[in-house]
């Protein structure tokens, strides 16, 4: 913020546009991210249906993205992917939706309830909201995290704590899970946190609940 205040007007305007664009992209990405929160409810109705939807979604997206990389456009999917791509993605395969689906799928296949649900909610709300808050309001950068913020990590902790409490009713153990989730989410793992976070949280939740 200090840089924006002292920079020349054109540079400041460009910086503001870049920040606004980054926030817009993050809003779109995390809106998609939060949809994974519907998976536990679907799994309660039918585990096979939830696994089938996740598997089919990952395969369909991967095929659509491969076609996009080759110059073909798949209606809706290619447009949304292009709009949600971060600058670091460039013209490469956008991996986030694949790891998101795989993370939720692994949680369902590896862990029983309530651990599976807690793991998926940690992915949906903990990771999703922490990134959004961190990008929008984050100012205190944490060392060794690749630029992640204290505000984002606290958001992850609170979101996972609330979700775990809602599922289990156990505040003490939910707090332990939430702290672990915040630590894992803060690691500089880029899109692979979509897999690492639910697997780690699910393993701990299986031990505690």
N, C-alpha and C. Protein backbone atom coordinates (compact mmCIF):
# COMPACT_ATOMS: atom_id res chain seq x y z
N UNK A 1 0.82 -1.20 0.00
CA UNK A 1 0.00 0.00 0.00
C UNK A 1 0.87 1.26 0.00
N UNK A 2 1.98 1.22 0.71
CA UNK A 2 2.89 2.37 0.73
C UNK A 2 3.45 2.64 -0.66
N UNK A 3 3.72 1.55 -1.39
CA UNK A 3 4.23 1.72 -2.75
C UNK A 3 3.21 2.43 -3.63
N UNK A 4 1.93 2.03 -3.49
CA UNK A 4 0.89 2.65 -4.30
C UNK A 4 0.75 4.13 -4.00
N UNK A 5 0.97 4.51 -2.75
CA UNK A 5 0.80 5.91 -2.37
C UNK A 5 1.91 6.79 -2.94
N UNK A 6 3.10 6.23 -3.13
CA UNK A 6 4.24 7.04 -3.57
C UNK A 6 4.57 6.86 -5.05
N UNK A 7 3.97 5.90 -5.71
CA UNK A 7 4.29 5.65 -7.11
C UNK A 7 3.69 6.73 -7.99
N UNK A 8 4.30 6.97 -9.20
CA UNK A 8 3.70 7.90 -10.16
C UNK A 8 2.29 7.48 -10.51
N UNK A 9 1.47 8.45 -10.92
CA UNK A 9 0.04 8.19 -11.11
C UNK A 9 -0.23 7.07 -12.10
N UNK A 10 0.50 7.03 -13.23
CA UNK A 10 0.28 5.98 -14.22
C UNK A 10 0.65 4.62 -13.66
N UNK A 11 1.77 4.58 -12.96
CA UNK A 11 2.21 3.31 -12.36
C UNK A 11 1.22 2.87 -11.30
N UNK A 12 0.73 3.84 -10.50
CA UNK A 12 -0.23 3.52 -9.46
C UNK A 12 -1.53 3.00 -10.06
N UNK A 13 -1.99 3.63 -11.11
CA UNK A 13 -3.23 3.19 -11.76
C UNK A 13 -3.08 1.78 -12.33
N UNK A 14 -1.91 1.52 -12.93
CA UNK A 14 -1.67 0.18 -13.48
C UNK A 14 -1.63 -0.86 -12.36
N UNK A 15 -0.99 -0.49 -11.24
CA UNK A 15 -0.91 -1.42 -10.12
C UNK A 15 -2.29 -1.72 -9.55
N UNK A 16 -3.14 -0.69 -9.46
CA UNK A 16 -4.50 -0.88 -8.96
C UNK A 16 -5.28 -1.80 -9.89
N UNK A 17 -5.12 -1.58 -11.22
CA UNK A 17 -5.81 -2.46 -12.18
C UNK A 17 -5.36 -3.90 -12.03
N UNK A 18 -4.05 -4.10 -11.83
CA UNK A 18 -3.53 -5.45 -11.70
C UNK A 18 -4.06 -6.12 -10.44
N UNK A 19 -4.13 -5.36 -9.34
CA UNK A 19 -4.66 -5.91 -8.09
C UNK A 19 -6.14 -6.25 -8.25
N UNK A 20 -6.90 -5.35 -8.90
CA UNK A 20 -8.33 -5.59 -9.11
C UNK A 20 -8.55 -6.83 -9.97
N UNK A 21 -7.72 -7.00 -10.99
CA UNK A 21 -7.83 -8.17 -11.86
C UNK A 21 -7.49 -9.44 -11.09
N UNK A 22 -6.48 -9.37 -10.25
CA UNK A 22 -6.09 -10.53 -9.45
C UNK A 22 -7.21 -10.93 -8.49
N UNK A 23 -7.87 -9.93 -7.89
CA UNK A 23 -8.97 -10.22 -6.98
C UNK A 23 -10.16 -10.80 -7.75
N UNK A 24 -10.44 -10.27 -8.94
CA UNK A 24 -11.55 -10.79 -9.76
C UNK A 24 -11.31 -12.26 -10.09
N UNK A 25 -10.09 -12.58 -10.50
CA UNK A 25 -9.75 -13.95 -10.84
C UNK A 25 -9.91 -14.85 -9.63
N UNK A 26 -9.45 -14.36 -8.47
CA UNK A 26 -9.53 -15.17 -7.25
C UNK A 26 -10.98 -15.40 -6.84
N UNK A 27 -11.83 -14.38 -7.01
CA UNK A 27 -13.25 -14.54 -6.70
C UNK A 27 -13.88 -15.63 -7.56
N UNK A 28 -13.56 -15.63 -8.85
CA UNK A 28 -14.11 -16.64 -9.74
C UNK A 28 -13.57 -18.02 -9.40
N UNK A 29 -12.27 -18.11 -9.16
CA UNK A 29 -11.66 -19.39 -8.82
C UNK A 29 -12.26 -19.97 -7.54
N UNK A 30 -12.41 -19.13 -6.52
CA UNK A 30 -12.88 -19.65 -5.25
C UNK A 30 -14.38 -19.88 -5.23
N UNK A 31 -15.13 -19.22 -6.11
CA UNK A 31 -16.54 -19.55 -6.27
C UNK A 31 -16.68 -20.98 -6.78
N UNK A 32 -15.82 -21.35 -7.72
CA UNK A 32 -15.79 -22.73 -8.22
C UNK A 32 -15.32 -23.67 -7.10
N UNK A 33 -14.30 -23.22 -6.37
CA UNK A 33 -13.71 -24.01 -5.29
C UNK A 33 -14.77 -24.38 -4.24
N UNK A 34 -15.61 -23.42 -3.89
CA UNK A 34 -16.60 -23.64 -2.84
C UNK A 34 -17.67 -24.66 -3.23
N UNK A 35 -17.83 -24.90 -4.53
CA UNK A 35 -18.84 -25.87 -4.97
C UNK A 35 -18.53 -27.28 -4.47
N UNK A 36 -17.26 -27.54 -4.14
CA UNK A 36 -16.88 -28.86 -3.68
C UNK A 36 -17.52 -29.17 -2.32
N UNK A 37 -18.04 -28.14 -1.64
CA UNK A 37 -18.70 -28.34 -0.35
C UNK A 37 -19.99 -29.15 -0.48
N UNK A 38 -20.52 -29.27 -1.70
CA UNK A 38 -21.74 -30.07 -1.90
C UNK A 38 -21.44 -31.57 -1.89
N UNK A 39 -20.17 -31.94 -2.02
CA UNK A 39 -19.82 -33.35 -2.16
C UNK A 39 -20.23 -34.19 -0.94
N UNK A 40 -19.96 -33.77 0.31
CA UNK A 40 -20.38 -34.61 1.44
C UNK A 40 -21.88 -34.89 1.46
N UNK A 41 -22.69 -33.89 1.11
CA UNK A 41 -24.13 -34.10 1.07
C UNK A 41 -24.52 -35.12 0.02
N UNK A 42 -23.89 -35.04 -1.15
CA UNK A 42 -24.17 -36.01 -2.21
C UNK A 42 -23.72 -37.40 -1.76
N UNK A 43 -22.56 -37.47 -1.09
CA UNK A 43 -22.04 -38.76 -0.63
C UNK A 43 -22.97 -39.39 0.41
N UNK A 44 -23.63 -38.57 1.21
CA UNK A 44 -24.58 -39.11 2.19
C UNK A 44 -25.74 -39.81 1.49
N UNK A 45 -26.14 -39.26 0.35
CA UNK A 45 -27.21 -39.89 -0.43
C UNK A 45 -26.71 -41.13 -1.16
N UNK A 46 -25.52 -41.01 -1.76
CA UNK A 46 -24.94 -42.12 -2.51
C UNK A 46 -23.45 -41.89 -2.70
N UNK A 47 -22.64 -42.71 -2.05
CA UNK A 47 -21.19 -42.59 -2.20
C UNK A 47 -20.77 -42.84 -3.64
N UNK A 48 -21.40 -43.82 -4.27
CA UNK A 48 -21.08 -44.13 -5.66
C UNK A 48 -21.36 -42.96 -6.58
N UNK A 49 -22.48 -42.26 -6.33
CA UNK A 49 -22.82 -41.10 -7.15
C UNK A 49 -21.78 -40.01 -6.98
N UNK A 50 -21.37 -39.74 -5.72
CA UNK A 50 -20.37 -38.69 -5.47
C UNK A 50 -19.05 -39.03 -6.14
N UNK A 51 -18.61 -40.28 -6.01
CA UNK A 51 -17.36 -40.71 -6.64
C UNK A 51 -17.46 -40.61 -8.16
N UNK A 52 -18.60 -41.02 -8.70
CA UNK A 52 -18.80 -40.96 -10.15
C UNK A 52 -18.80 -39.53 -10.68
N UNK A 53 -19.46 -38.63 -9.96
CA UNK A 53 -19.49 -37.23 -10.38
C UNK A 53 -18.11 -36.60 -10.34
N UNK A 54 -17.35 -36.87 -9.28
CA UNK A 54 -16.00 -36.31 -9.17
C UNK A 54 -15.08 -36.88 -10.24
N UNK A 55 -15.13 -38.19 -10.42
CA UNK A 55 -14.27 -38.84 -11.43
C UNK A 55 -14.62 -38.35 -12.83
N UNK A 56 -15.91 -38.33 -13.13
CA UNK A 56 -16.33 -37.86 -14.43
C UNK A 56 -15.99 -36.40 -14.66
N UNK A 57 -16.17 -35.58 -13.62
CA UNK A 57 -15.84 -34.17 -13.74
C UNK A 57 -14.38 -33.92 -14.00
N UNK A 58 -13.51 -34.66 -13.29
CA UNK A 58 -12.06 -34.51 -13.49
C UNK A 58 -11.68 -34.92 -14.91
N UNK A 59 -12.21 -36.04 -15.38
CA UNK A 59 -11.87 -36.52 -16.72
C UNK A 59 -12.39 -35.58 -17.80
N UNK A 60 -13.63 -35.09 -17.61
CA UNK A 60 -14.21 -34.18 -18.60
C UNK A 60 -13.44 -32.88 -18.66
N UNK A 61 -13.10 -32.33 -17.49
CA UNK A 61 -12.34 -31.10 -17.47
C UNK A 61 -10.97 -31.28 -18.11
N UNK A 62 -10.28 -32.37 -17.77
CA UNK A 62 -8.94 -32.62 -18.31
C UNK A 62 -8.99 -32.72 -19.84
N UNK A 63 -10.01 -33.40 -20.35
CA UNK A 63 -10.14 -33.50 -21.81
C UNK A 63 -10.44 -32.14 -22.43
N UNK A 64 -11.31 -31.35 -21.78
CA UNK A 64 -11.65 -30.02 -22.28
C UNK A 64 -10.44 -29.10 -22.28
N UNK A 65 -9.65 -29.18 -21.21
CA UNK A 65 -8.47 -28.33 -21.10
C UNK A 65 -7.41 -28.73 -22.12
N UNK A 66 -7.29 -30.03 -22.37
CA UNK A 66 -6.36 -30.51 -23.40
C UNK A 66 -6.76 -29.97 -24.78
N UNK A 67 -8.05 -29.98 -25.05
CA UNK A 67 -8.54 -29.44 -26.32
C UNK A 67 -8.28 -27.93 -26.40
N UNK A 68 -8.48 -27.23 -25.27
CA UNK A 68 -8.21 -25.79 -25.25
C UNK A 68 -6.75 -25.50 -25.56
N UNK A 69 -5.86 -26.30 -25.01
CA UNK A 69 -4.44 -26.11 -25.26
C UNK A 69 -4.08 -26.34 -26.73
N UNK A 70 -4.88 -27.15 -27.42
CA UNK A 70 -4.64 -27.43 -28.83
C UNK A 70 -5.40 -26.49 -29.76
N UNK A 71 -6.06 -25.49 -29.17
CA UNK A 71 -6.72 -24.48 -29.98
C UNK A 71 -8.20 -24.68 -30.18
N UNK A 72 -8.76 -25.74 -29.60
CA UNK A 72 -10.20 -25.98 -29.70
C UNK A 72 -10.89 -25.43 -28.45
N UNK A 73 -12.13 -25.02 -28.62
CA UNK A 73 -12.86 -24.44 -27.50
C UNK A 73 -14.07 -25.30 -27.18
N UNK A 74 -14.17 -25.68 -25.91
CA UNK A 74 -15.33 -26.41 -25.42
C UNK A 74 -16.27 -25.38 -24.80
N UNK A 75 -17.54 -25.31 -25.25
CA UNK A 75 -18.46 -24.29 -24.73
C UNK A 75 -18.48 -24.26 -23.21
N UNK A 76 -18.47 -23.06 -22.67
CA UNK A 76 -18.54 -22.75 -21.23
C UNK A 76 -17.24 -23.11 -20.52
N UNK A 77 -16.81 -24.38 -20.60
CA UNK A 77 -15.65 -24.83 -19.83
C UNK A 77 -14.39 -24.06 -20.21
N UNK A 78 -14.11 -23.94 -21.50
CA UNK A 78 -12.90 -23.25 -21.95
C UNK A 78 -12.95 -21.78 -21.58
N UNK A 79 -14.13 -21.16 -21.69
CA UNK A 79 -14.27 -19.74 -21.36
C UNK A 79 -14.02 -19.50 -19.89
N UNK A 80 -14.64 -20.32 -19.03
CA UNK A 80 -14.48 -20.16 -17.58
C UNK A 80 -13.03 -20.41 -17.18
N UNK A 81 -12.41 -21.43 -17.77
CA UNK A 81 -11.01 -21.73 -17.44
C UNK A 81 -10.11 -20.56 -17.80
N UNK A 82 -10.32 -19.98 -18.99
CA UNK A 82 -9.49 -18.86 -19.41
C UNK A 82 -9.68 -17.65 -18.49
N UNK A 83 -10.91 -17.40 -18.07
CA UNK A 83 -11.19 -16.27 -17.18
C UNK A 83 -10.59 -16.47 -15.80
N UNK A 84 -10.52 -17.73 -15.36
CA UNK A 84 -10.06 -18.03 -14.00
C UNK A 84 -8.56 -18.33 -13.93
N UNK A 85 -7.87 -18.31 -15.07
CA UNK A 85 -6.45 -18.64 -15.07
C UNK A 85 -5.64 -17.52 -14.43
N UNK A 86 -4.70 -17.88 -13.56
CA UNK A 86 -3.79 -16.91 -12.96
C UNK A 86 -2.66 -16.61 -13.91
N UNK A 87 -1.96 -15.52 -13.66
CA UNK A 87 -0.85 -15.16 -14.52
C UNK A 87 0.22 -16.25 -14.55
N UNK A 88 0.41 -16.92 -13.39
CA UNK A 88 1.43 -17.97 -13.35
C UNK A 88 1.05 -19.15 -14.24
N UNK A 89 -0.27 -19.30 -14.57
CA UNK A 89 -0.69 -20.39 -15.43
C UNK A 89 -0.26 -20.16 -16.88
N UNK A 90 -0.20 -18.86 -17.26
CA UNK A 90 0.19 -18.53 -18.62
C UNK A 90 -0.68 -19.26 -19.63
N UNK A 91 -0.03 -19.87 -20.62
CA UNK A 91 -0.75 -20.65 -21.62
C UNK A 91 -0.65 -22.15 -21.34
N UNK A 92 -0.38 -22.49 -20.08
CA UNK A 92 -0.21 -23.89 -19.72
C UNK A 92 -1.55 -24.51 -19.31
N UNK A 93 -1.52 -25.81 -19.15
CA UNK A 93 -2.68 -26.55 -18.66
C UNK A 93 -3.01 -26.04 -17.25
N UNK A 94 -4.26 -25.61 -17.03
CA UNK A 94 -4.67 -25.10 -15.72
C UNK A 94 -5.03 -26.30 -14.85
N UNK A 95 -4.18 -26.58 -13.87
CA UNK A 95 -4.25 -27.83 -13.11
C UNK A 95 -5.22 -27.77 -11.94
N UNK A 96 -5.56 -26.58 -11.46
CA UNK A 96 -6.34 -26.44 -10.24
C UNK A 96 -7.60 -27.29 -10.16
N UNK A 97 -8.49 -27.25 -11.16
CA UNK A 97 -9.71 -28.05 -11.07
C UNK A 97 -9.46 -29.56 -10.99
N UNK A 98 -8.36 -30.02 -11.61
CA UNK A 98 -8.03 -31.44 -11.53
C UNK A 98 -7.64 -31.82 -10.11
N UNK A 99 -6.73 -31.04 -9.50
CA UNK A 99 -6.31 -31.36 -8.14
C UNK A 99 -7.46 -31.16 -7.15
N UNK A 100 -8.34 -30.21 -7.43
CA UNK A 100 -9.50 -29.99 -6.56
C UNK A 100 -10.39 -31.24 -6.54
N UNK A 101 -10.72 -31.74 -7.72
CA UNK A 101 -11.55 -32.94 -7.80
C UNK A 101 -10.86 -34.16 -7.21
N UNK A 102 -9.56 -34.30 -7.47
CA UNK A 102 -8.82 -35.44 -6.93
C UNK A 102 -8.73 -35.39 -5.41
N UNK A 103 -8.55 -34.17 -4.86
CA UNK A 103 -8.48 -34.03 -3.42
C UNK A 103 -9.76 -34.49 -2.74
N UNK A 104 -10.89 -34.06 -3.27
CA UNK A 104 -12.18 -34.47 -2.70
C UNK A 104 -12.40 -35.97 -2.91
N UNK A 105 -12.00 -36.47 -4.07
CA UNK A 105 -12.16 -37.90 -4.36
C UNK A 105 -11.34 -38.76 -3.40
N UNK A 106 -10.10 -38.35 -3.16
CA UNK A 106 -9.25 -39.10 -2.23
C UNK A 106 -9.82 -39.09 -0.81
N UNK A 107 -10.37 -37.95 -0.40
CA UNK A 107 -10.98 -37.88 0.93
C UNK A 107 -12.12 -38.88 1.07
N UNK A 108 -12.95 -38.99 0.03
CA UNK A 108 -14.07 -39.94 0.07
C UNK A 108 -13.60 -41.39 0.10
N UNK A 109 -12.56 -41.67 -0.68
CA UNK A 109 -12.10 -43.06 -0.81
C UNK A 109 -11.22 -43.52 0.34
N UNK A 110 -10.49 -42.59 0.95
CA UNK A 110 -9.53 -42.97 1.99
C UNK A 110 -10.12 -42.99 3.40
N UNK A 111 -11.12 -42.11 3.65
CA UNK A 111 -11.54 -41.91 5.04
C UNK A 111 -13.03 -42.14 5.22
N UNK A 112 -13.40 -42.65 6.39
CA UNK A 112 -14.83 -42.75 6.72
C UNK A 112 -15.34 -41.40 7.20
N UNK A 113 -16.64 -41.30 7.37
CA UNK A 113 -17.19 -40.10 8.01
C UNK A 113 -17.01 -40.21 9.51
N UNK A 114 -16.81 -39.10 10.23
CA UNK A 114 -16.90 -37.71 9.74
C UNK A 114 -15.61 -37.16 9.13
N UNK A 115 -14.53 -37.98 9.13
CA UNK A 115 -13.24 -37.48 8.64
C UNK A 115 -13.31 -37.03 7.18
N UNK A 116 -14.01 -37.80 6.34
CA UNK A 116 -14.10 -37.44 4.92
C UNK A 116 -14.78 -36.10 4.74
N UNK A 117 -15.88 -35.88 5.47
CA UNK A 117 -16.59 -34.61 5.35
C UNK A 117 -15.74 -33.44 5.84
N UNK A 118 -15.06 -33.63 6.98
CA UNK A 118 -14.20 -32.57 7.51
C UNK A 118 -13.10 -32.23 6.51
N UNK A 119 -12.50 -33.26 5.90
CA UNK A 119 -11.43 -33.06 4.92
C UNK A 119 -11.92 -32.24 3.73
N UNK A 120 -13.11 -32.56 3.24
CA UNK A 120 -13.65 -31.86 2.07
C UNK A 120 -14.06 -30.44 2.44
N UNK A 121 -14.62 -30.24 3.62
CA UNK A 121 -14.97 -28.89 4.03
C UNK A 121 -13.71 -28.04 4.26
N UNK A 122 -12.63 -28.68 4.72
CA UNK A 122 -11.36 -27.96 4.85
C UNK A 122 -10.87 -27.51 3.48
N UNK A 123 -11.05 -28.36 2.48
CA UNK A 123 -10.67 -28.00 1.12
C UNK A 123 -11.55 -26.88 0.57
N UNK A 124 -12.86 -27.01 0.77
CA UNK A 124 -13.80 -26.03 0.21
C UNK A 124 -13.70 -24.68 0.93
N UNK A 125 -13.85 -24.71 2.25
CA UNK A 125 -13.93 -23.46 3.01
C UNK A 125 -12.57 -22.99 3.52
N UNK A 126 -11.79 -23.91 4.06
CA UNK A 126 -10.49 -23.52 4.60
C UNK A 126 -9.56 -22.99 3.53
N UNK A 127 -9.35 -23.78 2.51
CA UNK A 127 -8.46 -23.35 1.43
C UNK A 127 -9.09 -22.26 0.58
N UNK A 128 -10.39 -22.43 0.28
CA UNK A 128 -11.06 -21.46 -0.59
C UNK A 128 -11.12 -20.07 -0.01
N UNK A 129 -11.60 -19.96 1.23
CA UNK A 129 -11.76 -18.64 1.84
C UNK A 129 -10.42 -18.03 2.24
N UNK A 130 -9.46 -18.86 2.65
CA UNK A 130 -8.16 -18.31 3.06
C UNK A 130 -7.47 -17.61 1.91
N UNK A 131 -7.54 -18.21 0.73
CA UNK A 131 -6.92 -17.60 -0.44
C UNK A 131 -7.62 -16.30 -0.81
N UNK A 132 -8.94 -16.31 -0.76
CA UNK A 132 -9.71 -15.11 -1.12
C UNK A 132 -9.44 -13.97 -0.14
N UNK A 133 -9.47 -14.25 1.15
CA UNK A 133 -9.22 -13.22 2.16
C UNK A 133 -7.76 -12.77 2.10
N UNK A 134 -6.87 -13.72 1.91
CA UNK A 134 -5.45 -13.37 1.83
C UNK A 134 -5.15 -12.46 0.66
N UNK A 135 -5.74 -12.73 -0.49
CA UNK A 135 -5.52 -11.90 -1.67
C UNK A 135 -6.14 -10.52 -1.51
N UNK A 136 -7.29 -10.47 -0.84
CA UNK A 136 -8.04 -9.22 -0.74
C UNK A 136 -7.56 -8.33 0.41
N UNK A 137 -7.32 -8.93 1.56
CA UNK A 137 -7.02 -8.14 2.76
C UNK A 137 -5.65 -8.44 3.37
N UNK A 138 -4.98 -9.46 2.87
CA UNK A 138 -3.73 -9.88 3.49
C UNK A 138 -2.64 -8.81 3.42
N UNK A 139 -2.03 -8.53 4.56
CA UNK A 139 -0.95 -7.54 4.60
C UNK A 139 0.27 -8.06 5.36
N UNK A 140 0.06 -9.02 6.26
CA UNK A 140 1.17 -9.58 7.04
C UNK A 140 1.62 -10.88 6.37
N UNK A 141 2.74 -10.83 5.69
CA UNK A 141 3.23 -11.99 4.96
C UNK A 141 3.98 -12.93 5.88
N UNK A 142 3.69 -14.23 5.74
CA UNK A 142 4.34 -15.23 6.57
C UNK A 142 5.61 -15.73 5.89
N UNK A 143 6.70 -15.88 6.63
CA UNK A 143 7.94 -16.38 6.02
C UNK A 143 7.80 -17.84 5.59
N UNK A 144 8.55 -18.19 4.55
CA UNK A 144 8.63 -19.57 4.06
C UNK A 144 7.31 -20.12 3.55
N UNK A 145 6.40 -19.23 3.14
CA UNK A 145 5.09 -19.69 2.64
C UNK A 145 4.84 -19.30 1.18
N UNK A 146 5.81 -18.67 0.56
CA UNK A 146 5.60 -18.25 -0.83
C UNK A 146 4.68 -17.05 -0.95
N UNK A 147 4.61 -16.22 0.10
CA UNK A 147 3.80 -15.01 0.04
C UNK A 147 2.44 -15.10 0.66
N UNK A 148 2.12 -16.19 1.33
CA UNK A 148 0.81 -16.30 1.98
C UNK A 148 0.76 -15.41 3.21
N UNK A 149 -0.47 -15.06 3.62
CA UNK A 149 -0.63 -14.05 4.67
C UNK A 149 -1.16 -14.63 5.97
N UNK A 150 -0.91 -13.89 7.04
CA UNK A 150 -1.45 -14.26 8.34
C UNK A 150 -2.98 -14.22 8.32
N UNK A 151 -3.53 -13.21 7.64
CA UNK A 151 -4.99 -13.08 7.56
C UNK A 151 -5.61 -14.31 6.88
N UNK A 152 -4.97 -14.76 5.81
CA UNK A 152 -5.47 -15.95 5.11
C UNK A 152 -5.39 -17.20 5.96
N UNK A 153 -4.28 -17.36 6.69
CA UNK A 153 -4.11 -18.54 7.55
C UNK A 153 -5.12 -18.54 8.69
N UNK A 154 -5.38 -17.37 9.28
CA UNK A 154 -6.38 -17.30 10.34
C UNK A 154 -7.78 -17.61 9.81
N UNK A 155 -8.05 -17.17 8.59
CA UNK A 155 -9.34 -17.48 7.96
C UNK A 155 -9.49 -18.98 7.77
N UNK A 156 -8.43 -19.63 7.32
CA UNK A 156 -8.45 -21.09 7.16
C UNK A 156 -8.74 -21.76 8.50
N UNK A 157 -8.04 -21.33 9.55
CA UNK A 157 -8.22 -21.92 10.87
C UNK A 157 -9.67 -21.78 11.34
N UNK A 158 -10.21 -20.58 11.22
CA UNK A 158 -11.58 -20.33 11.68
C UNK A 158 -12.59 -21.13 10.87
N UNK A 159 -12.41 -21.16 9.54
CA UNK A 159 -13.35 -21.85 8.67
C UNK A 159 -13.36 -23.35 8.95
N UNK A 160 -12.18 -23.94 9.11
CA UNK A 160 -12.11 -25.38 9.38
C UNK A 160 -12.65 -25.69 10.77
N UNK A 161 -12.36 -24.83 11.74
CA UNK A 161 -12.87 -25.04 13.10
C UNK A 161 -14.40 -25.04 13.10
N UNK A 162 -15.00 -24.07 12.43
CA UNK A 162 -16.46 -23.99 12.39
C UNK A 162 -17.05 -25.21 11.67
N UNK A 163 -16.45 -25.58 10.54
CA UNK A 163 -16.96 -26.72 9.78
C UNK A 163 -16.84 -28.01 10.57
N UNK A 164 -15.69 -28.21 11.22
CA UNK A 164 -15.49 -29.43 12.00
C UNK A 164 -16.42 -29.49 13.20
N UNK A 165 -16.61 -28.36 13.86
CA UNK A 165 -17.56 -28.30 14.98
C UNK A 165 -18.97 -28.62 14.52
N UNK A 166 -19.35 -28.11 13.37
CA UNK A 166 -20.69 -28.35 12.84
C UNK A 166 -20.91 -29.83 12.56
N UNK A 167 -19.85 -30.51 12.12
CA UNK A 167 -19.96 -31.93 11.78
C UNK A 167 -19.91 -32.80 13.03
N UNK A 168 -19.02 -32.47 13.98
CA UNK A 168 -18.75 -33.36 15.11
C UNK A 168 -19.29 -32.88 16.45
N UNK A 169 -19.43 -31.56 16.62
CA UNK A 169 -19.83 -31.02 17.91
C UNK A 169 -18.73 -31.04 18.95
N UNK A 170 -17.49 -31.34 18.53
CA UNK A 170 -16.36 -31.44 19.46
C UNK A 170 -15.41 -30.27 19.21
N UNK A 171 -15.49 -29.24 20.07
CA UNK A 171 -14.71 -28.02 19.84
C UNK A 171 -13.22 -28.25 20.06
N UNK A 172 -12.85 -29.01 21.08
CA UNK A 172 -11.44 -29.20 21.40
C UNK A 172 -10.70 -29.89 20.27
N UNK A 173 -11.23 -31.00 19.80
CA UNK A 173 -10.57 -31.73 18.72
C UNK A 173 -10.69 -30.98 17.40
N UNK A 174 -11.77 -30.28 17.22
CA UNK A 174 -11.93 -29.48 16.00
C UNK A 174 -10.86 -28.39 15.92
N UNK A 175 -10.51 -27.83 17.08
CA UNK A 175 -9.47 -26.80 17.09
C UNK A 175 -8.12 -27.39 16.68
N UNK A 176 -7.82 -28.59 17.13
CA UNK A 176 -6.57 -29.26 16.74
C UNK A 176 -6.54 -29.47 15.23
N UNK A 177 -7.65 -29.94 14.69
CA UNK A 177 -7.74 -30.15 13.24
C UNK A 177 -7.58 -28.83 12.50
N UNK A 178 -8.20 -27.78 13.01
CA UNK A 178 -8.14 -26.47 12.35
C UNK A 178 -6.73 -25.90 12.34
N UNK A 179 -6.01 -26.04 13.44
CA UNK A 179 -4.63 -25.56 13.50
C UNK A 179 -3.78 -26.32 12.49
N UNK A 180 -3.94 -27.64 12.44
CA UNK A 180 -3.19 -28.45 11.47
C UNK A 180 -3.52 -28.05 10.04
N UNK A 181 -4.80 -27.80 9.77
CA UNK A 181 -5.21 -27.39 8.43
C UNK A 181 -4.57 -26.07 8.03
N UNK A 182 -4.54 -25.11 8.96
CA UNK A 182 -3.94 -23.80 8.67
C UNK A 182 -2.45 -23.93 8.39
N UNK A 183 -1.77 -24.80 9.12
CA UNK A 183 -0.34 -25.01 8.90
C UNK A 183 -0.08 -25.65 7.53
N UNK A 184 -0.89 -26.64 7.19
CA UNK A 184 -0.73 -27.32 5.88
C UNK A 184 -1.06 -26.35 4.75
N UNK A 185 -2.13 -25.58 4.91
CA UNK A 185 -2.55 -24.65 3.85
C UNK A 185 -1.50 -23.57 3.61
N UNK A 186 -0.76 -23.21 4.67
CA UNK A 186 0.25 -22.15 4.53
C UNK A 186 1.50 -22.61 3.78
N UNK A 187 1.67 -23.90 3.61
CA UNK A 187 2.85 -24.40 2.90
C UNK A 187 2.79 -23.98 1.43
N UNK A 188 3.94 -23.65 0.82
CA UNK A 188 3.96 -23.17 -0.57
C UNK A 188 3.85 -24.31 -1.58
N UNK A 189 2.67 -24.94 -1.63
CA UNK A 189 2.48 -26.11 -2.50
C UNK A 189 1.68 -25.81 -3.76
N UNK A 190 1.31 -24.52 -3.96
CA UNK A 190 0.54 -24.09 -5.14
C UNK A 190 -0.73 -24.93 -5.28
N UNK A 191 -1.07 -25.37 -6.50
CA UNK A 191 -2.33 -26.08 -6.70
C UNK A 191 -2.36 -27.45 -6.02
N UNK A 192 -1.21 -27.99 -5.65
CA UNK A 192 -1.19 -29.31 -5.04
C UNK A 192 -1.70 -29.28 -3.60
N UNK A 193 -1.92 -28.09 -3.05
CA UNK A 193 -2.54 -28.04 -1.72
C UNK A 193 -3.97 -28.57 -1.77
N UNK A 194 -4.57 -28.59 -2.98
CA UNK A 194 -5.91 -29.17 -3.14
C UNK A 194 -5.92 -30.67 -2.84
N UNK A 195 -4.78 -31.30 -2.98
CA UNK A 195 -4.66 -32.73 -2.65
C UNK A 195 -4.08 -32.92 -1.26
N UNK A 196 -3.01 -32.19 -0.97
CA UNK A 196 -2.30 -32.37 0.31
C UNK A 196 -3.19 -32.01 1.49
N UNK A 197 -3.94 -30.90 1.39
CA UNK A 197 -4.76 -30.45 2.51
C UNK A 197 -5.84 -31.46 2.91
N UNK A 198 -6.70 -31.92 2.00
CA UNK A 198 -7.73 -32.87 2.44
C UNK A 198 -7.17 -34.22 2.89
N UNK A 199 -6.08 -34.66 2.28
CA UNK A 199 -5.48 -35.93 2.70
C UNK A 199 -4.92 -35.81 4.11
N UNK A 200 -4.22 -34.72 4.40
CA UNK A 200 -3.64 -34.51 5.73
C UNK A 200 -4.73 -34.31 6.78
N UNK A 201 -5.70 -33.46 6.48
CA UNK A 201 -6.78 -33.19 7.43
C UNK A 201 -7.62 -34.45 7.67
N UNK A 202 -7.88 -35.19 6.60
CA UNK A 202 -8.65 -36.42 6.76
C UNK A 202 -7.94 -37.45 7.62
N UNK A 203 -6.61 -37.56 7.45
CA UNK A 203 -5.85 -38.51 8.25
C UNK A 203 -5.90 -38.14 9.73
N UNK A 204 -5.73 -36.85 10.03
CA UNK A 204 -5.78 -36.41 11.43
C UNK A 204 -7.17 -36.57 12.00
N UNK A 205 -8.18 -36.21 11.23
CA UNK A 205 -9.56 -36.34 11.70
C UNK A 205 -9.94 -37.79 11.95
N UNK A 206 -9.40 -38.71 11.16
CA UNK A 206 -9.66 -40.13 11.37
C UNK A 206 -9.11 -40.59 12.73
N UNK A 207 -7.96 -40.05 13.10
CA UNK A 207 -7.35 -40.40 14.38
C UNK A 207 -8.10 -39.80 15.56
N UNK A 208 -8.65 -38.59 15.36
CA UNK A 208 -9.24 -37.87 16.48
C UNK A 208 -10.72 -38.18 16.72
N UNK A 209 -11.45 -38.50 15.64
CA UNK A 209 -12.91 -38.66 15.78
C UNK A 209 -13.34 -40.12 15.56
